[in-house]
N, C-alpha and C. Protein backbone atom coordinates (compact mmCIF):
# COMPACT_ATOMS: atom_id res chain seq x y z
N MET A 1 0.84 -1.17 0.00
CA MET A 1 0.00 0.00 0.00
C MET A 1 0.89 1.24 0.00
N SER A 2 0.52 2.20 -0.78
CA SER A 2 1.29 3.43 -0.87
C SER A 2 1.09 4.27 0.38
N GLU A 3 2.16 4.96 0.79
CA GLU A 3 2.07 5.81 1.97
C GLU A 3 1.16 7.00 1.75
N CYS A 4 1.06 7.48 0.52
CA CYS A 4 0.29 8.70 0.27
C CYS A 4 -1.19 8.50 0.57
N THR A 5 -1.66 7.27 0.60
CA THR A 5 -3.06 7.02 0.95
C THR A 5 -3.27 7.10 2.46
N GLN A 6 -2.20 7.11 3.22
CA GLN A 6 -2.29 7.12 4.68
C GLN A 6 -2.14 8.52 5.27
N LEU A 7 -2.11 9.56 4.45
CA LEU A 7 -1.93 10.92 4.97
C LEU A 7 -3.08 11.30 5.89
N VAL A 8 -4.29 10.98 5.52
CA VAL A 8 -5.45 11.34 6.35
C VAL A 8 -5.34 10.68 7.72
N THR A 9 -4.91 9.44 7.75
CA THR A 9 -4.73 8.73 9.02
C THR A 9 -3.66 9.40 9.86
N SER A 10 -2.56 9.81 9.24
CA SER A 10 -1.48 10.42 10.01
C SER A 10 -1.83 11.84 10.48
N LEU A 11 -2.79 12.49 9.83
CA LEU A 11 -3.21 13.82 10.29
C LEU A 11 -4.00 13.73 11.59
N ASP A 12 -4.68 12.63 11.79
CA ASP A 12 -5.43 12.42 13.03
C ASP A 12 -4.56 11.71 14.06
N ILE A 13 -3.51 12.38 14.49
CA ILE A 13 -2.53 11.78 15.40
C ILE A 13 -3.15 11.46 16.74
N GLY A 14 -3.88 12.37 17.28
CA GLY A 14 -4.49 12.14 18.57
C GLY A 14 -5.32 13.35 18.98
N PRO A 15 -6.07 13.21 20.07
CA PRO A 15 -6.95 14.31 20.47
C PRO A 15 -6.19 15.54 20.99
N ASP A 16 -5.02 15.36 21.54
CA ASP A 16 -4.28 16.47 22.13
C ASP A 16 -3.26 17.09 21.17
N ILE A 17 -3.06 16.47 20.01
CA ILE A 17 -2.04 16.94 19.08
C ILE A 17 -2.73 17.44 17.81
N ARG A 18 -2.47 18.71 17.49
CA ARG A 18 -3.01 19.28 16.25
C ARG A 18 -1.89 20.01 15.54
N PRO A 19 -1.35 19.41 14.49
CA PRO A 19 -0.25 20.07 13.77
C PRO A 19 -0.74 21.32 13.05
N ARG A 20 0.17 22.27 12.89
CA ARG A 20 -0.17 23.50 12.15
C ARG A 20 0.13 23.34 10.67
N ALA A 21 1.09 22.47 10.34
CA ALA A 21 1.47 22.27 8.93
C ALA A 21 1.78 20.80 8.70
N ALA A 22 1.48 20.35 7.50
CA ALA A 22 1.83 18.99 7.08
C ALA A 22 2.85 19.11 5.97
N MET A 23 4.11 18.75 6.27
CA MET A 23 5.18 18.85 5.28
C MET A 23 5.46 17.46 4.72
N THR A 24 5.21 17.29 3.44
CA THR A 24 5.43 16.00 2.80
C THR A 24 6.17 16.23 1.48
N ASP A 25 6.49 15.14 0.81
CA ASP A 25 7.17 15.27 -0.47
C ASP A 25 6.16 15.24 -1.62
N LYS A 26 6.67 15.26 -2.84
CA LYS A 26 5.82 15.34 -4.02
C LYS A 26 4.91 14.12 -4.18
N GLY A 27 5.25 13.03 -3.55
CA GLY A 27 4.42 11.83 -3.64
C GLY A 27 3.03 12.02 -3.05
N TYR A 28 2.87 13.00 -2.18
CA TYR A 28 1.59 13.27 -1.54
C TYR A 28 0.80 14.35 -2.26
N ASP A 29 1.27 14.80 -3.42
CA ASP A 29 0.63 15.88 -4.16
C ASP A 29 -0.66 15.38 -4.79
N SER A 30 -1.77 15.67 -4.14
CA SER A 30 -3.08 15.38 -4.71
C SER A 30 -4.09 16.35 -4.10
N LYS A 31 -5.13 16.60 -4.84
CA LYS A 31 -6.17 17.52 -4.35
C LYS A 31 -6.84 16.96 -3.11
N ALA A 32 -7.00 15.65 -3.05
CA ALA A 32 -7.64 15.02 -1.88
C ALA A 32 -6.81 15.22 -0.62
N ASN A 33 -5.48 15.05 -0.73
CA ASN A 33 -4.61 15.25 0.44
C ASN A 33 -4.61 16.70 0.89
N ARG A 34 -4.55 17.62 -0.05
CA ARG A 34 -4.58 19.04 0.30
C ARG A 34 -5.91 19.41 0.95
N ALA A 35 -7.01 18.88 0.43
CA ALA A 35 -8.33 19.16 0.99
C ALA A 35 -8.46 18.58 2.40
N ALA A 36 -7.90 17.39 2.61
CA ALA A 36 -7.96 16.77 3.93
C ALA A 36 -7.20 17.60 4.96
N CYS A 37 -6.07 18.16 4.55
CA CYS A 37 -5.30 19.03 5.45
C CYS A 37 -6.09 20.29 5.79
N ARG A 38 -6.61 20.94 4.76
CA ARG A 38 -7.34 22.20 4.97
C ARG A 38 -8.61 21.99 5.79
N LYS A 39 -9.25 20.84 5.62
CA LYS A 39 -10.47 20.52 6.38
C LYS A 39 -10.18 20.49 7.88
N ARG A 40 -8.98 20.10 8.25
CA ARG A 40 -8.59 20.02 9.66
C ARG A 40 -7.89 21.29 10.15
N GLY A 41 -7.79 22.30 9.29
CA GLY A 41 -7.14 23.54 9.68
C GLY A 41 -5.62 23.44 9.65
N ILE A 42 -5.10 22.52 8.85
CA ILE A 42 -3.66 22.30 8.73
C ILE A 42 -3.20 22.83 7.38
N VAL A 43 -2.11 23.57 7.39
CA VAL A 43 -1.56 24.12 6.15
C VAL A 43 -0.78 23.02 5.43
N PRO A 44 -1.16 22.67 4.20
CA PRO A 44 -0.39 21.65 3.47
C PRO A 44 0.86 22.27 2.83
N VAL A 45 2.02 21.80 3.21
CA VAL A 45 3.27 22.23 2.61
C VAL A 45 3.75 21.06 1.75
N ILE A 46 3.12 20.94 0.60
CA ILE A 46 3.38 19.82 -0.31
C ILE A 46 3.79 20.42 -1.65
N PRO A 47 5.01 20.16 -2.11
CA PRO A 47 5.40 20.71 -3.41
C PRO A 47 4.58 20.06 -4.53
N HIS A 48 4.28 20.86 -5.53
CA HIS A 48 3.52 20.34 -6.67
C HIS A 48 4.46 19.58 -7.61
N ARG A 49 3.92 18.57 -8.24
CA ARG A 49 4.71 17.84 -9.23
C ARG A 49 4.99 18.74 -10.42
N SER A 50 6.05 18.43 -11.13
CA SER A 50 6.44 19.28 -12.26
C SER A 50 5.41 19.27 -13.37
N ASN A 51 4.61 18.21 -13.46
CA ASN A 51 3.61 18.14 -14.53
C ASN A 51 2.22 18.56 -14.05
N ALA A 52 2.12 19.16 -12.86
CA ALA A 52 0.81 19.61 -12.35
C ALA A 52 0.29 20.75 -13.21
N LYS A 53 -1.01 20.77 -13.44
CA LYS A 53 -1.60 21.75 -14.33
C LYS A 53 -1.81 23.11 -13.67
N ASP A 54 -2.26 23.11 -12.44
CA ASP A 54 -2.56 24.38 -11.76
C ASP A 54 -1.62 24.62 -10.58
N ARG A 55 -0.36 24.83 -10.91
CA ARG A 55 0.65 25.08 -9.88
C ARG A 55 0.62 26.55 -9.49
N PRO A 56 0.50 26.83 -8.18
CA PRO A 56 0.54 28.24 -7.76
C PRO A 56 1.97 28.77 -7.82
N LYS A 57 2.09 30.09 -7.89
CA LYS A 57 3.43 30.69 -7.98
C LYS A 57 4.16 30.65 -6.64
N PHE A 58 3.40 30.73 -5.53
CA PHE A 58 4.04 30.78 -4.21
C PHE A 58 4.16 29.38 -3.62
N PHE A 59 5.31 29.12 -3.03
CA PHE A 59 5.53 27.89 -2.26
C PHE A 59 6.47 28.23 -1.11
N PRO A 60 6.13 27.85 0.13
CA PRO A 60 6.98 28.20 1.28
C PRO A 60 8.28 27.40 1.31
N LYS A 61 9.26 27.84 0.54
CA LYS A 61 10.53 27.11 0.42
C LYS A 61 11.29 27.04 1.73
N THR A 62 11.26 28.12 2.51
CA THR A 62 12.00 28.14 3.78
C THR A 62 11.46 27.08 4.73
N LEU A 63 10.16 26.97 4.81
CA LEU A 63 9.54 25.95 5.67
C LEU A 63 9.88 24.55 5.17
N TYR A 64 9.88 24.38 3.86
CA TYR A 64 10.17 23.07 3.28
C TYR A 64 11.63 22.68 3.48
N LYS A 65 12.54 23.65 3.51
CA LYS A 65 13.96 23.35 3.75
C LYS A 65 14.17 22.78 5.14
N GLY A 66 13.33 23.20 6.10
CA GLY A 66 13.39 22.62 7.44
C GLY A 66 13.09 21.13 7.42
N ARG A 67 12.14 20.73 6.60
CA ARG A 67 11.82 19.31 6.45
C ARG A 67 13.01 18.55 5.90
N ALA A 68 13.71 19.14 4.94
CA ALA A 68 14.88 18.49 4.36
C ALA A 68 15.97 18.30 5.43
N ARG A 69 16.15 19.30 6.27
CA ARG A 69 17.16 19.18 7.35
C ARG A 69 16.81 18.05 8.30
N ILE A 70 15.54 17.92 8.63
CA ILE A 70 15.11 16.84 9.52
C ILE A 70 15.37 15.49 8.87
N GLU A 71 15.04 15.36 7.59
CA GLU A 71 15.29 14.09 6.90
C GLU A 71 16.78 13.77 6.84
N GLN A 72 17.61 14.79 6.62
CA GLN A 72 19.06 14.57 6.59
C GLN A 72 19.57 14.12 7.95
N ALA A 73 19.05 14.73 9.00
CA ALA A 73 19.47 14.34 10.36
C ALA A 73 19.05 12.90 10.65
N MET A 74 17.85 12.52 10.25
CA MET A 74 17.40 11.14 10.46
C MET A 74 18.26 10.16 9.65
N GLY A 75 18.65 10.57 8.45
CA GLY A 75 19.52 9.72 7.64
C GLY A 75 20.87 9.52 8.30
N LYS A 76 21.41 10.58 8.89
CA LYS A 76 22.69 10.47 9.59
C LYS A 76 22.56 9.59 10.82
N LEU A 77 21.45 9.72 11.52
CA LEU A 77 21.23 8.88 12.70
C LEU A 77 21.13 7.41 12.33
N LYS A 78 20.48 7.13 11.21
CA LYS A 78 20.28 5.74 10.81
C LYS A 78 21.54 5.09 10.28
N ARG A 79 22.63 5.85 10.14
CA ARG A 79 23.91 5.24 9.78
C ARG A 79 24.46 4.43 10.94
N PHE A 80 24.01 4.73 12.13
CA PHE A 80 24.38 3.95 13.31
C PHE A 80 23.45 2.73 13.34
N LYS A 81 24.00 1.55 13.14
CA LYS A 81 23.20 0.34 13.00
C LYS A 81 22.28 0.10 14.19
N ARG A 82 22.81 0.33 15.39
CA ARG A 82 21.99 0.03 16.58
C ARG A 82 20.82 0.99 16.70
N VAL A 83 20.95 2.19 16.14
CA VAL A 83 19.81 3.11 16.13
C VAL A 83 18.82 2.66 15.06
N ALA A 84 19.33 2.34 13.88
CA ALA A 84 18.45 1.95 12.77
C ALA A 84 17.68 0.67 13.07
N PHE A 85 18.32 -0.30 13.69
CA PHE A 85 17.67 -1.58 13.95
C PHE A 85 16.98 -1.64 15.30
N ARG A 86 17.12 -0.58 16.12
CA ARG A 86 16.51 -0.52 17.45
C ARG A 86 16.87 -1.76 18.28
N CYS A 87 18.16 -2.00 18.38
CA CYS A 87 18.65 -3.18 19.09
C CYS A 87 18.45 -3.11 20.60
N GLU A 88 18.32 -1.92 21.14
CA GLU A 88 18.22 -1.77 22.59
C GLU A 88 16.87 -2.26 23.08
N LYS A 89 16.86 -2.83 24.28
CA LYS A 89 15.63 -3.42 24.80
C LYS A 89 14.78 -2.41 25.56
N THR A 90 15.40 -1.43 26.19
CA THR A 90 14.62 -0.48 26.96
C THR A 90 14.61 0.89 26.29
N VAL A 91 13.62 1.67 26.62
CA VAL A 91 13.49 3.01 26.06
C VAL A 91 14.66 3.88 26.53
N GLU A 92 15.07 3.71 27.78
CA GLU A 92 16.16 4.52 28.33
C GLU A 92 17.47 4.26 27.60
N SER A 93 17.78 2.99 27.36
CA SER A 93 19.04 2.69 26.68
C SER A 93 18.99 3.11 25.21
N TYR A 94 17.82 3.02 24.58
CA TYR A 94 17.70 3.48 23.20
C TYR A 94 17.86 4.99 23.12
N ALA A 95 17.25 5.70 24.06
CA ALA A 95 17.38 7.16 24.09
C ALA A 95 18.83 7.57 24.33
N ALA A 96 19.51 6.83 25.19
CA ALA A 96 20.93 7.12 25.44
C ALA A 96 21.76 6.89 24.19
N LEU A 97 21.46 5.84 23.46
CA LEU A 97 22.18 5.55 22.23
C LEU A 97 21.93 6.62 21.17
N VAL A 98 20.69 7.09 21.06
CA VAL A 98 20.36 8.16 20.11
C VAL A 98 21.11 9.44 20.51
N ALA A 99 21.14 9.74 21.80
CA ALA A 99 21.86 10.92 22.27
C ALA A 99 23.35 10.81 21.96
N PHE A 100 23.92 9.63 22.16
CA PHE A 100 25.33 9.42 21.85
C PHE A 100 25.58 9.59 20.35
N ALA A 101 24.70 9.04 19.52
CA ALA A 101 24.85 9.16 18.07
C ALA A 101 24.75 10.63 17.65
N CYS A 102 23.83 11.37 18.26
CA CYS A 102 23.70 12.81 17.95
C CYS A 102 24.97 13.55 18.33
N SER A 103 25.54 13.20 19.48
CA SER A 103 26.77 13.88 19.89
C SER A 103 27.93 13.55 18.95
N MET A 104 27.99 12.32 18.46
CA MET A 104 29.04 11.95 17.50
C MET A 104 28.86 12.71 16.18
N ILE A 105 27.62 12.88 15.74
CA ILE A 105 27.34 13.63 14.52
C ILE A 105 27.75 15.09 14.72
N LEU A 106 27.45 15.65 15.89
CA LEU A 106 27.82 17.03 16.18
C LEU A 106 29.34 17.21 16.21
N VAL A 107 30.03 16.29 16.86
CA VAL A 107 31.50 16.37 16.94
C VAL A 107 32.10 16.30 15.53
N LYS A 108 31.58 15.41 14.71
CA LYS A 108 32.11 15.28 13.35
C LYS A 108 31.86 16.56 12.54
N SER A 109 30.68 17.16 12.68
CA SER A 109 30.39 18.38 11.91
C SER A 109 31.26 19.55 12.38
N VAL A 110 31.49 19.66 13.69
CA VAL A 110 32.34 20.73 14.20
C VAL A 110 33.78 20.50 13.75
N HIS A 111 34.24 19.26 13.84
CA HIS A 111 35.61 18.93 13.43
C HIS A 111 35.80 19.22 11.94
N THR A 112 34.82 18.85 11.11
CA THR A 112 34.91 19.10 9.67
C THR A 112 34.94 20.59 9.39
N ALA A 113 34.08 21.35 10.06
CA ALA A 113 34.05 22.80 9.86
C ALA A 113 35.37 23.43 10.28
N TYR A 114 35.95 22.96 11.38
CA TYR A 114 37.22 23.48 11.87
C TYR A 114 38.33 23.16 10.88
N ALA A 115 38.33 21.95 10.33
CA ALA A 115 39.37 21.55 9.37
C ALA A 115 39.27 22.38 8.09
N VAL A 116 38.07 22.64 7.62
CA VAL A 116 37.89 23.46 6.41
C VAL A 116 38.37 24.87 6.67
N GLU A 117 38.04 25.41 7.84
CA GLU A 117 38.47 26.77 8.18
C GLU A 117 39.99 26.85 8.27
N ALA A 118 40.63 25.82 8.85
CA ALA A 118 42.09 25.81 8.96
C ALA A 118 42.75 25.75 7.58
N LEU A 119 42.16 24.96 6.68
CA LEU A 119 42.71 24.86 5.33
C LEU A 119 42.59 26.17 4.58
N THR A 120 41.49 26.87 4.74
CA THR A 120 41.31 28.13 4.02
C THR A 120 42.25 29.22 4.57
N GLN A 121 42.55 29.16 5.86
CA GLN A 121 43.46 30.15 6.44
C GLN A 121 44.91 29.91 6.03
N THR A 122 45.33 28.66 5.91
CA THR A 122 46.71 28.36 5.53
C THR A 122 46.93 28.62 4.05
N GLY A 123 45.87 28.52 3.26
CA GLY A 123 46.01 28.73 1.84
C GLY A 123 46.07 30.21 1.47
N SER A 124 45.73 31.09 2.39
CA SER A 124 45.70 32.54 2.06
C SER A 124 47.04 33.16 2.06
């Protein structure tokens, strides 16, 4: 079953949770999905397909870039096998492993940025 048919189900997360925006990829581009979002008072941030007939001129690119950053972060986290496969038995140990993986990603990004800065300074 395609995920795009499950958008309506995912919009009804729970009684206490009401998202303000639904950010999805082009696979969810349909009038039915957009109408389902608007019916619940949720702003659909869904890019139109390139072959769509009635594409509006405005699209919130800044908001959509945030979605891309989240997906990139999740991709980096899933490079750690134990995070991707959820090998830990308890919630506490899994949360600790995710925190450790996040800290390793942060250390690597800072180290890479520092190395690039050092290279640019020595080359001047």
